[in-house]
Structures are given as structure tokens and as C-alpha cells.
Amino acid sequence: MRTRPRSWLIPLALLHLLAVRTASASEFAVRQFSLPTAALPSALAVDDHGVVWVAVTHADTLLRLDPSTGSFTTFKLPNRTHPAALLSDPGGRLWFASSGLGLVGRLDRGRVNEFVLPSLVQQKVAGFPTPRALTFDPSADEVWFSIQSNGRVGRLPRLSEPSRRELSIRELPVASSVARLQGIASDGHGGVWVAESGVDRVTRVDVTTATLRRIVLPPGSRPHAVVRGADGRLWFTLFGSHRLLRLDPNSHAVKSWIMPSAPRSSPVAITADRRGALWVAEYDAGTVVRFDPHLEAFAVVRVAPALARVQALAADPSGRVWFVTGFGARLGVIERVR
């Protein structure tokens, strides 16, 4: 792997006048569902048909919700799977990252296919590999994921089939384990971006050459999640500095906005709807925040008590935004009323 010889330190733009408002009940409605299994739900995905999936990490379970009926279907995974991330690919298949078994799995019509990480089988990397986040890269038709424990990213073709003779996954080193890789997202143009929470850095991996391009953030930023917005830019949550960061994948110019509940925001999850808005979960505030990138304005939707800890977000095709809380085991949806 080739790495560019130096990193770029880019100061974050400060926003002195910030438009923030609390959304009214007449603008957004919040509905919630009690989950049938309540052992730390931590990840969400919505497929193209609007079906909602929830990963219940400590119960080794996937839940499927049909929003039209409100009924759940339970899929039990092998013991210690500990699903930590979900992804619905363009073909409607559901992928999960197994932080407990060192593999990536795919649910096909109720059948689980498992793809083992090379670093687990070959034991070339110290420490048990824990895949953390998933993304789909359309340029190569591949599923990519970050590995928090060893500073690597993995990739495999979307249509791979498990094989005992060869491994489908390829791993690429990005950093040391100190980097604590978190969120990952494709920019749609041959690059995959990963958040390095432990070293205040975001890095682009070229899917063809494996070349790395690093952007160093101010100390204490702790980038966490990342999503590609409708405008083609990358949006990161900065857990440590309580900010929302926008990055242009072409110019690498950045700008950030302080979150409404700072210094008790701790933004974690982020998703983008098809209308161009960004939605961010404020982990320590019990709120989900909608950001309009054109107006540079926030609308705050309170969805749960602060201690409920909103863990994950996902936007569905109709524009609704789903969330799940780690404590209280609630699945909710935010719908625009007007």
C-alpha cells in the first residue's frame, strides 16, 4: 500500500451566528415502538421497500419491522455474534458486522452467510478483529467496513458467496489500533472515507490504488460517524468537539457547525434524507437534530430522555427518519407533518 508522504492540517471554520430552533409538534410527529428484545439495540437499516431492521447487539438478534403492520420478525444469530452495524445493499440483502466473532454476515431470505476476516484466520494482526461500521461502494460494487481493533478496513464483492477454499474479504491497513476506526462511507467516486476517532483524523482510501489521503482535525474532535449527503459531500459527527463537519471530497475543504446541545451534545449517528437534509443524534441530549445545509440551520426534535441514548439513525425512502435508543429499548420514527 502507498501512503501520501504528508498529512494536511485544516482548521475548522467557525460559525459565529447559528440558526437553531426547537421543532414544534405541528411540524414533526414522533411515534415509538417497544422492541421485543431489549439487550442493547445499537444499529439500524432501512431497505428500499421501507422495511426497518434493528440489530440487538447483546441478544445476538436481528429484528425486522414491517411499518405497515407494526409487527416484528425475529432472526436469531449464533451466540456471541454481537451485531454492531447494519447495511441494506442495492439488492435488498441485509449485511451485519459481527463484533463478537470477527466476521461480516449477510442475511439472504432468512439464511445467514458468514464471511470471516483474514486477520482472524491468518492471525497476522494482534488483537481480536472487531468490524465496526459498513458501507456500500457503487464504483466497485463492494461492501466495505472498518475494523476498530486493528486499524484496518475490509472489502468484499457484494455478490460474494462463502467459500472454504478462499477468503472473500481483503483487508487494507489504514492506521494502528490506536486510531480506533469508526464510521465509514463511500464518496461514490472511487473513494471510501473512514473516521479515525482515536487520532482526530479522517482518511480517504482509493478503492483502485489503496492510496491514503489523510485530513487531520483539531485535537479533541473525535470523528465518529460519516454519511454521504445528497449533495455528494461527506458529513461527519465530531463526538468530542460537539460539531457537525462537512467535507468536500474533491477540494477537501471543510466547514463545521457547533451542535445545538453543546457542550452536552456528543453527536454520534448521522443519516441523510433524499431531500438533502442531514439528521444527527445527540447522544447525551436525547434529541435528533435536522440540519438544512442550504440555510445552515438546525431544527431540534426531542425524542427521548437524555439517558435513553439515541444510538442509531436511518432514513427511509419516504423521508421518515428512524432511531433506536440503547436504554429503554425503543424504536422510533420522526415524520414531517407539514
Protein backbone atom coordinates (compact mmCIF):
# COMPACT_ATOMS: atom_id res chain seq x y z
CA MET A 1 0.00 0.00 0.00
CA ARG A 2 1.23 3.51 -0.81
CA THR A 3 0.59 6.40 1.54
CA ARG A 4 0.98 10.03 0.61
CA PRO A 5 4.03 11.46 2.34
CA ARG A 6 2.33 14.05 4.50
CA SER A 7 -0.98 14.95 6.09
CA TRP A 8 -2.98 18.14 5.70
CA LEU A 9 -3.95 20.04 8.85
CA ILE A 10 -7.09 22.02 8.02
CA PRO A 11 -8.62 24.38 10.59
CA LEU A 12 -12.35 24.02 11.09
CA ALA A 13 -14.39 27.05 10.05
CA LEU A 14 -16.15 28.71 12.96
CA LEU A 15 -19.76 29.78 12.67
CA HIS A 16 -20.50 32.83 14.82
CA LEU A 17 -24.23 33.18 14.15
CA LEU A 18 -26.05 29.86 14.24
CA ALA A 19 -29.72 29.37 13.45
CA VAL A 20 -31.20 26.90 15.94
CA ARG A 21 -34.83 26.27 16.78
CA THR A 22 -36.84 23.65 18.60
CA ALA A 23 -39.19 21.90 16.21
CA SER A 24 -42.87 22.04 17.15
CA ALA A 25 -45.29 19.12 17.34
CA SER A 26 -47.14 20.60 14.38
CA GLU A 27 -44.01 20.21 12.24
CA PHE A 28 -42.73 16.78 13.25
CA ALA A 29 -44.54 13.84 14.80
CA VAL A 30 -42.69 11.15 16.75
CA ARG A 31 -44.00 7.59 17.09
CA GLN A 32 -42.31 4.88 19.11
CA PHE A 33 -42.41 1.07 19.26
CA SER A 34 -41.36 -1.22 22.10
CA LEU A 35 -38.80 -3.74 20.91
CA PRO A 36 -39.50 -7.41 21.65
CA THR A 37 -35.84 -7.90 22.60
CA ALA A 38 -34.12 -5.27 24.73
CA ALA A 39 -30.44 -6.19 25.11
CA LEU A 40 -28.74 -3.06 23.76
CA PRO A 41 -30.20 -2.28 20.33
CA SER A 42 -27.41 -0.40 18.59
CA ALA A 43 -27.81 -0.34 14.78
CA LEU A 44 -30.46 0.38 12.16
CA ALA A 45 -31.00 -0.09 8.45
CA VAL A 46 -33.96 0.55 6.15
CA ASP A 47 -34.27 -1.17 2.78
CA ASP A 48 -35.67 0.30 -0.44
CA HIS A 49 -39.14 -1.00 0.43
CA GLY A 50 -39.19 0.79 3.78
CA VAL A 51 -38.66 -2.34 5.89
CA VAL A 52 -36.78 -1.48 9.08
CA TRP A 53 -34.05 -3.65 10.59
CA VAL A 54 -32.64 -3.38 14.12
CA ALA A 55 -29.53 -5.06 15.49
CA VAL A 56 -29.86 -6.04 19.16
CA THR A 57 -26.21 -6.49 19.95
CA HIS A 58 -26.09 -8.35 23.25
CA ALA A 59 -29.01 -10.61 22.33
CA ASP A 60 -27.34 -11.71 19.07
CA THR A 61 -30.58 -10.87 17.29
CA LEU A 62 -31.86 -9.05 14.22
CA LEU A 63 -35.37 -7.61 14.27
CA ARG A 64 -37.40 -6.89 11.16
CA LEU A 65 -40.26 -4.38 11.40
CA ASP A 66 -42.98 -4.11 8.78
CA PRO A 67 -44.08 -0.47 9.23
CA SER A 68 -47.42 -1.13 7.54
CA THR A 69 -48.46 -3.61 10.23
CA GLY A 70 -46.20 -2.70 13.17
CA SER A 71 -45.23 -6.36 13.55
CA PHE A 72 -41.73 -7.64 14.28
CA THR A 73 -39.99 -10.75 12.99
CA THR A 74 -37.01 -12.07 14.96
CA PHE A 75 -33.88 -13.61 13.43
CA LYS A 76 -31.58 -15.26 15.94
CA LEU A 77 -27.86 -15.20 15.14
CA PRO A 78 -25.17 -17.53 16.51
CA ASN A 79 -24.08 -16.91 20.09
CA ARG A 80 -21.58 -14.07 20.59
CA THR A 81 -22.24 -12.64 17.11
CA HIS A 82 -22.85 -9.21 18.70
CA PRO A 83 -24.04 -7.39 15.54
CA ALA A 84 -22.70 -3.83 15.72
CA ALA A 85 -23.68 -2.36 12.34
CA LEU A 86 -26.22 -2.97 9.58
CA LEU A 87 -26.35 -2.23 5.86
CA SER A 88 -29.08 -2.83 3.28
CA ASP A 89 -27.44 -3.18 -0.13
CA PRO A 90 -28.99 -2.23 -3.51
CA GLY A 91 -30.21 -5.80 -3.99
CA GLY A 92 -32.13 -5.74 -0.72
CA ARG A 93 -29.73 -8.03 1.16
CA LEU A 94 -29.01 -7.20 4.78
CA TRP A 95 -25.40 -7.13 5.96
CA PHE A 96 -24.22 -7.06 9.56
CA ALA A 97 -20.85 -6.57 11.23
CA SER A 98 -20.18 -9.20 13.90
CA SER A 99 -18.04 -7.56 16.56
CA GLY A 100 -18.06 -10.74 18.63
CA LEU A 101 -17.00 -13.37 16.08
CA GLY A 102 -14.70 -11.39 13.79
CA LEU A 103 -16.77 -11.70 10.65
CA VAL A 104 -19.22 -9.95 8.34
CA GLY A 105 -22.55 -11.62 7.69
CA ARG A 106 -25.31 -11.38 5.10
CA LEU A 107 -28.93 -12.35 5.54
CA ASP A 108 -30.39 -13.91 2.38
CA ARG A 109 -34.07 -14.90 2.62
CA GLY A 110 -33.64 -15.92 6.24
CA ARG A 111 -30.34 -17.73 5.68
CA VAL A 112 -27.16 -16.33 7.21
CA ASN A 113 -23.96 -16.32 5.13
CA GLU A 114 -20.75 -15.59 7.03
CA PHE A 115 -17.50 -14.10 5.71
CA VAL A 116 -14.55 -14.44 8.06
CA LEU A 117 -11.97 -11.68 8.35
CA PRO A 118 -8.47 -12.63 7.13
CA SER A 119 -6.88 -11.07 10.22
CA LEU A 120 -8.77 -13.57 12.36
CA VAL A 121 -7.86 -16.64 10.28
CA GLN A 122 -4.28 -15.73 9.47
CA GLN A 123 -3.52 -14.17 12.87
CA LYS A 124 -1.24 -11.60 11.29
CA VAL A 125 -2.68 -8.75 13.33
CA ALA A 126 -2.53 -8.63 17.11
CA GLY A 127 -5.87 -8.47 18.86
CA PHE A 128 -9.29 -9.87 18.00
CA PRO A 129 -10.68 -8.13 14.90
CA THR A 130 -13.90 -6.21 15.59
CA PRO A 131 -15.69 -4.88 12.49
CA ARG A 132 -17.38 -1.61 13.42
CA ALA A 133 -19.26 0.05 10.52
CA LEU A 134 -20.41 -0.83 6.99
CA THR A 135 -20.86 0.99 3.68
CA PHE A 136 -21.59 0.15 0.07
CA ASP A 137 -19.26 1.40 -2.68
CA PRO A 138 -21.11 1.61 -6.01
CA SER A 139 -17.96 2.23 -8.05
CA ALA A 140 -16.71 -1.30 -7.35
CA ASP A 141 -19.99 -2.94 -6.28
CA GLU A 142 -18.41 -3.84 -2.96
CA VAL A 143 -19.24 -3.78 0.71
CA TRP A 144 -16.60 -2.04 2.83
CA PHE A 145 -16.23 -1.98 6.60
CA SER A 146 -13.99 -0.53 9.28
CA ILE A 147 -12.20 -2.71 11.85
CA GLN A 148 -11.89 -0.81 15.09
CA SER A 149 -9.44 -3.12 16.86
CA ASN A 150 -6.62 -3.20 14.30
CA GLY A 151 -6.84 -0.02 12.23
CA ARG A 152 -7.80 -1.78 9.00
CA VAL A 153 -10.64 -1.62 6.52
CA GLY A 154 -12.09 -4.61 4.74
CA ARG A 155 -13.80 -5.06 1.39
CA LEU A 156 -15.63 -7.83 -0.44
CA PRO A 157 -17.77 -8.04 -3.60
CA ARG A 158 -21.47 -7.56 -2.86
CA LEU A 159 -22.40 -10.82 -4.61
CA SER A 160 -19.73 -12.93 -2.88
CA GLU A 161 -20.57 -16.44 -1.75
CA PRO A 162 -18.92 -18.07 1.27
CA SER A 163 -16.10 -20.45 0.40
CA ARG A 164 -13.96 -22.76 2.50
CA ARG A 165 -11.13 -22.67 -0.04
CA GLU A 166 -10.53 -18.94 -0.20
CA LEU A 167 -11.44 -15.79 1.69
CA SER A 168 -13.73 -13.28 0.00
CA ILE A 169 -12.61 -10.39 2.20
CA ARG A 170 -9.48 -8.33 1.56
CA GLU A 171 -8.09 -6.12 4.31
CA LEU A 172 -6.13 -2.89 3.89
CA PRO A 173 -4.11 -1.25 6.68
CA VAL A 174 -5.08 2.36 7.38
CA ALA A 175 -3.57 3.09 10.78
CA SER A 176 -2.57 1.45 14.06
CA SER A 177 -5.12 0.18 16.55
CA VAL A 178 -4.77 3.48 18.43
CA ALA A 179 -6.74 5.17 15.64
CA ARG A 180 -9.94 3.34 16.71
CA LEU A 181 -11.65 3.38 13.33
CA GLN A 182 -15.35 4.22 13.48
CA GLY A 183 -17.73 5.28 10.69
CA ILE A 184 -17.10 4.59 7.02
CA ALA A 185 -18.77 5.88 3.84
CA SER A 186 -18.21 5.78 0.10
CA ASP A 187 -17.95 9.10 -1.74
CA GLY A 188 -19.38 7.41 -4.86
CA HIS A 189 -16.36 8.32 -6.98
CA GLY A 190 -13.75 5.71 -6.17
CA GLY A 191 -13.03 6.70 -2.59
CA VAL A 192 -14.04 5.37 0.80
CA TRP A 193 -13.72 7.64 3.85
CA VAL A 194 -13.18 6.42 7.39
CA ALA A 195 -13.27 8.26 10.73
CA GLU A 196 -10.22 7.72 12.95
CA SER A 197 -11.65 8.65 16.33
CA GLY A 198 -8.55 7.94 18.38
CA VAL A 199 -6.22 10.25 16.43
CA ASP A 200 -8.61 13.05 15.33
CA ARG A 201 -8.32 12.29 11.64
CA VAL A 202 -10.43 11.33 8.61
CA THR A 203 -8.87 9.34 5.79
CA ARG A 204 -9.79 8.58 2.20
CA VAL A 205 -8.90 5.16 0.78
CA ASP A 206 -8.69 4.98 -3.00
CA VAL A 207 -10.59 1.84 -4.00
CA THR A 208 -8.33 1.23 -7.02
CA THR A 209 -4.84 2.05 -5.74
CA ALA A 210 -5.36 1.78 -1.95
CA THR A 211 -3.61 5.15 -1.64
CA LEU A 212 -4.44 7.04 1.55
CA ARG A 213 -5.24 10.74 1.82
CA ARG A 214 -5.39 11.99 5.40
CA ILE A 215 -7.03 15.10 6.80
CA VAL A 216 -6.05 15.98 10.35
CA LEU A 217 -8.65 17.63 12.58
CA PRO A 218 -8.12 19.75 15.69
CA PRO A 219 -7.28 17.85 18.88
CA GLY A 220 -10.30 16.51 20.70
CA SER A 221 -12.53 16.29 17.60
CA ARG A 222 -13.05 12.51 17.84
CA PRO A 223 -14.80 11.94 14.49
CA HIS A 224 -17.39 9.22 14.86
CA ALA A 225 -19.95 8.61 12.09
CA VAL A 226 -19.97 9.66 8.43
CA VAL A 227 -22.54 9.75 5.64
CA ARG A 228 -22.57 10.90 2.03
CA GLY A 229 -25.18 13.60 1.63
CA ALA A 230 -27.50 14.21 -1.30
CA ASP A 231 -25.11 16.99 -2.35
CA GLY A 232 -22.23 14.49 -2.72
CA ARG A 233 -20.31 15.87 0.27
CA LEU A 234 -19.22 13.86 3.27
CA TRP A 235 -20.72 14.74 6.65
CA PHE A 236 -19.05 13.66 9.90
CA THR A 237 -20.16 13.83 13.51
CA LEU A 238 -17.41 15.08 15.83
CA PHE A 239 -18.23 13.42 19.13
CA GLY A 240 -15.52 15.15 21.14
CA SER A 241 -15.95 18.75 19.97
CA HIS A 242 -19.77 18.57 19.62
CA ARG A 243 -19.75 19.63 15.98
CA LEU A 244 -21.09 18.64 12.57
CA LEU A 245 -18.39 18.63 9.89
CA ARG A 246 -18.83 18.95 6.12
CA LEU A 247 -16.04 17.80 3.80
CA ASP A 248 -15.88 18.34 0.05
CA PRO A 249 -14.44 15.09 -1.41
CA ASN A 250 -12.91 16.94 -4.36
CA SER A 251 -11.30 20.03 -2.83
CA HIS A 252 -11.08 18.56 0.70
CA ALA A 253 -12.35 21.90 2.04
CA VAL A 254 -14.08 21.57 5.40
CA LYS A 255 -16.56 23.56 7.44
CA SER A 256 -18.17 22.78 10.77
CA TRP A 257 -21.11 23.86 12.89
CA ILE A 258 -21.47 23.62 16.65
CA MET A 259 -24.32 21.30 17.66
CA PRO A 260 -27.36 22.85 19.36
CA SER A 261 -26.97 20.98 22.68
CA ALA A 262 -23.22 21.55 23.03
CA PRO A 263 -21.41 21.02 25.33
CA ARG A 264 -23.83 18.20 26.15
CA SER A 265 -24.41 17.03 22.61
CA SER A 266 -21.89 14.26 21.86
CA PRO A 267 -23.19 13.62 18.33
CA VAL A 268 -22.92 10.00 17.25
CA ALA A 269 -25.15 8.70 14.47
CA ILE A 270 -25.91 10.57 11.25
CA THR A 271 -28.09 9.91 8.22
CA ALA A 272 -29.11 11.84 5.12
CA ASP A 273 -32.59 12.00 3.65
CA ARG A 274 -33.39 12.25 -0.05
CA ARG A 275 -34.41 15.90 0.27
CA GLY A 276 -30.86 16.90 1.18
CA ALA A 277 -31.21 17.32 4.94
CA LEU A 278 -28.84 15.76 7.47
CA TRP A 279 -30.10 14.18 10.68
CA VAL A 280 -27.83 13.82 13.71
CA ALA A 281 -28.37 12.01 17.03
CA GLU A 282 -27.20 13.96 20.07
CA TYR A 283 -26.22 11.07 22.33
CA ASP A 284 -26.13 13.00 25.61
CA ALA A 285 -29.19 15.16 24.94
CA GLY A 286 -31.96 12.76 23.89
CA THR A 287 -32.53 14.70 20.69
CA VAL A 288 -32.39 14.14 16.95
CA VAL A 289 -31.39 17.26 15.03
CA ARG A 290 -32.26 18.10 11.43
CA PHE A 291 -29.71 20.28 9.62
CA ASP A 292 -30.62 22.17 6.45
CA PRO A 293 -27.33 22.61 4.55
CA HIS A 294 -28.75 25.38 2.36
CA LEU A 295 -29.99 27.55 5.23
CA GLU A 296 -27.27 26.31 7.59
CA ALA A 297 -29.98 25.93 10.22
CA PHE A 298 -30.80 23.32 12.86
CA ALA A 299 -34.22 22.08 13.98
CA VAL A 300 -34.18 20.12 17.24
CA VAL A 301 -36.59 17.22 17.79
CA ARG A 302 -36.71 15.82 21.31
CA VAL A 303 -37.36 12.10 21.05
CA ALA A 304 -36.32 10.60 24.39
CA PRO A 305 -34.93 11.38 27.85
CA ALA A 306 -31.23 12.24 27.72
CA LEU A 307 -30.27 9.00 29.47
CA ALA A 308 -32.05 6.93 26.80
CA ARG A 309 -29.04 7.44 24.47
CA VAL A 310 -30.09 7.55 20.82
CA GLN A 311 -27.71 5.03 19.21
CA ALA A 312 -28.54 4.89 15.51
CA LEU A 313 -30.45 6.63 12.72
CA ALA A 314 -31.71 5.63 9.28
CA ALA A 315 -33.81 7.50 6.70
CA ASP A 316 -36.41 5.58 4.69
CA PRO A 317 -37.44 6.17 1.06
CA SER A 318 -40.46 8.26 2.07
CA GLY A 319 -38.37 10.74 4.06
CA ARG A 320 -39.12 9.45 7.54
CA VAL A 321 -36.20 9.11 9.94
CA TRP A 322 -35.95 6.11 12.25
CA PHE A 323 -34.00 6.00 15.50
CA VAL A 324 -33.27 3.49 18.24
CA THR A 325 -32.35 4.08 21.87
CA GLY A 326 -29.81 1.94 23.68
CA PHE A 327 -31.54 2.23 27.05
CA GLY A 328 -35.28 1.72 27.22
CA ALA A 329 -35.13 -0.33 24.00
CA ARG A 330 -37.32 1.94 21.91
CA LEU A 331 -37.56 2.13 18.14
CA GLY A 332 -38.99 5.41 16.91
CA VAL A 333 -39.79 7.28 13.74
CA ILE A 334 -39.88 11.01 13.01
CA GLU A 335 -42.40 12.07 10.39
CA ARG A 336 -42.80 15.52 8.92
CA VAL A 337 -46.33 16.79 9.44
CA ARG A 338 -46.03 19.91 7.29
